[in-house]
């Protein structure tokens, strides 16, 4: 694989530790949110793996944060 292409892919996805730091929460909370399916993530590993690694797309996290902001701070007009 082209090294430049691999670098672009790597920047587009984050590990659990990187994702937690990116959105400003603990890794423990991130794992709990992922388990509850309240934050977007995808597994990386061999098919059927018992412990796949969690990966988070940067674009998905940005969309998720935008949605959280709208849900929590947009007040309907009276």
C-alpha atoms as a PDB file:
ATOM      1  CA  UNK A   1       0.000   0.000   0.000  1.00  0.00           C
ATOM      2  CA  UNK A   2       1.202   3.473  -0.802  1.00  0.00           C
ATOM      3  CA  UNK A   3       2.634   5.040   2.383  1.00  0.00           C
ATOM      4  CA  UNK A   4       0.999   8.379   1.639  1.00  0.00           C
ATOM      5  CA  UNK A   5      -2.408   6.705   1.268  1.00  0.00           C
ATOM      6  CA  UNK A   6      -1.875   4.754   4.508  1.00  0.00           C
ATOM      7  CA  UNK A   7      -1.082   8.010   6.346  1.00  0.00           C
ATOM      8  CA  UNK A   8      -4.329   9.581   5.100  1.00  0.00           C
ATOM      9  CA  UNK A   9      -6.319   6.579   6.311  1.00  0.00           C
ATOM     10  CA  UNK A  10      -4.571   6.626   9.675  1.00  0.00           C
ATOM     11  CA  UNK A  11      -5.421  10.284  10.194  1.00  0.00           C
ATOM     12  CA  UNK A  12      -9.055   9.627   9.294  1.00  0.00           C
ATOM     13  CA  UNK A  13      -9.477   7.008  12.047  1.00  0.00           C
ATOM     14  CA  UNK A  14      -8.667   7.171  15.733  1.00  0.00           C
ATOM     15  CA  UNK A  15      -7.973   4.583  18.413  1.00  0.00           C
ATOM     16  CA  UNK A  16     -10.133   4.602  21.542  1.00  0.00           C
ATOM     17  CA  UNK A  17      -7.469   6.539  23.427  1.00  0.00           C
ATOM     18  CA  UNK A  18      -7.162   9.129  20.640  1.00  0.00           C
ATOM     19  CA  UNK A  19     -10.944   9.429  20.270  1.00  0.00           C
ATOM     20  CA  UNK A  20     -11.424   9.952  24.005  1.00  0.00           C
ATOM     21  CA  UNK A  21      -8.798  12.675  24.003  1.00  0.00           C
ATOM     22  CA  UNK A  22     -10.281  14.236  20.848  1.00  0.00           C
ATOM     23  CA  UNK A  23     -13.758  14.622  22.358  1.00  0.00           C
ATOM     24  CA  UNK A  24     -12.505  15.358  25.868  1.00  0.00           C
ATOM     25  CA  UNK A  25     -13.714  12.362  27.884  1.00  0.00           C
ATOM     26  CA  UNK A  26     -12.068   9.459  29.681  1.00  0.00           C
ATOM     27  CA  UNK A  27     -11.328   6.245  27.848  1.00  0.00           C
ATOM     28  CA  UNK A  28     -13.540   4.413  30.355  1.00  0.00           C
ATOM     29  CA  UNK A  29     -16.509   6.632  29.485  1.00  0.00           C
ATOM     30  CA  UNK A  30     -15.809   6.228  25.774  1.00  0.00           C
ATOM     31  CA  UNK A  31     -15.885   2.425  26.121  1.00  0.00           C
ATOM     32  CA  UNK A  32     -19.168   2.629  28.045  1.00  0.00           C
ATOM     33  CA  UNK A  33     -20.695   4.875  25.377  1.00  0.00           C
ATOM     34  CA  UNK A  34     -19.502   2.567  22.603  1.00  0.00           C
ATOM     35  CA  UNK A  35     -20.936  -0.472  24.391  1.00  0.00           C
ATOM     36  CA  UNK A  36     -24.266   1.371  24.757  1.00  0.00           C
ATOM     37  CA  UNK A  37     -24.079   2.286  21.048  1.00  0.00           C
ATOM     38  CA  UNK A  38     -24.379   5.968  21.809  1.00  0.00           C
ATOM     39  CA  UNK A  39     -21.247   6.912  19.877  1.00  0.00           C
ATOM     40  CA  UNK A  40     -20.243   5.724  16.375  1.00  0.00           C
ATOM     41  CA  UNK A  41     -17.391   3.202  16.132  1.00  0.00           C
ATOM     42  CA  UNK A  42     -16.410   0.128  14.162  1.00  0.00           C
ATOM     43  CA  UNK A  43     -14.426  -3.019  14.977  1.00  0.00           C
ATOM     44  CA  UNK A  44     -11.051  -3.786  13.431  1.00  0.00           C
ATOM     45  CA  UNK A  45      -9.642  -7.289  13.552  1.00  0.00           C
ATOM     46  CA  UNK A  46     -10.038 -10.767  12.207  1.00  0.00           C
ATOM     47  CA  UNK A  47     -13.626 -11.840  11.461  1.00  0.00           C
ATOM     48  CA  UNK A  48     -15.094 -13.431  14.566  1.00  0.00           C
ATOM     49  CA  UNK A  49     -12.399 -11.976  16.796  1.00  0.00           C
ATOM     50  CA  UNK A  50     -13.409 -11.952  20.447  1.00  0.00           C
ATOM     51  CA  UNK A  51     -11.646  -8.665  21.132  1.00  0.00           C
ATOM     52  CA  UNK A  52     -11.617  -6.499  18.024  1.00  0.00           C
ATOM     53  CA  UNK A  53      -9.975  -3.115  18.333  1.00  0.00           C
ATOM     54  CA  UNK A  54     -12.308  -0.138  18.367  1.00  0.00           C
ATOM     55  CA  UNK A  55     -11.775   2.522  15.750  1.00  0.00           C
ATOM     56  CA  UNK A  56     -13.521   5.846  15.433  1.00  0.00           C
ATOM     57  CA  UNK A  57     -13.815   7.827  12.207  1.00  0.00           C
ATOM     58  CA  UNK A  58     -12.873  11.444  12.707  1.00  0.00           C
ATOM     59  CA  UNK A  59     -15.701  12.617  10.435  1.00  0.00           C
ATOM     60  CA  UNK A  60     -18.236  10.483  12.346  1.00  0.00           C
ATOM     61  CA  UNK A  61     -17.083  11.913  15.670  1.00  0.00           C
ATOM     62  CA  UNK A  62     -17.387  15.450  14.295  1.00  0.00           C
ATOM     63  CA  UNK A  63     -20.951  14.743  13.096  1.00  0.00           C
ATOM     64  CA  UNK A  64     -21.794  13.111  16.440  1.00  0.00           C
ATOM     65  CA  UNK A  65     -20.483  16.150  18.362  1.00  0.00           C
ATOM     66  CA  UNK A  66     -22.477  18.508  16.114  1.00  0.00           C
ATOM     67  CA  UNK A  67     -25.612  16.461  16.791  1.00  0.00           C
ATOM     68  CA  UNK A  68     -24.955  16.453  20.551  1.00  0.00           C
ATOM     69  CA  UNK A  69     -24.559  20.208  20.466  1.00  0.00           C
ATOM     70  CA  UNK A  70     -27.867  20.618  18.627  1.00  0.00           C
ATOM     71  CA  UNK A  71     -29.666  18.249  21.014  1.00  0.00           C
ATOM     72  CA  UNK A  72     -28.296  19.898  24.137  1.00  0.00           C
ATOM     73  CA  UNK A  73     -28.171  23.577  23.279  1.00  0.00           C
ATOM     74  CA  UNK A  74     -30.718  24.403  20.599  1.00  0.00           C
ATOM     75  CA  UNK A  75     -33.760  25.819  22.315  1.00  0.00           C
ATOM     76  CA  UNK A  76     -36.963  26.027  20.274  1.00  0.00           C
ATOM     77  CA  UNK A  77     -38.371  29.498  19.704  1.00  0.00           C
ATOM     78  CA  UNK A  78     -41.237  30.433  22.049  1.00  0.00           C
END
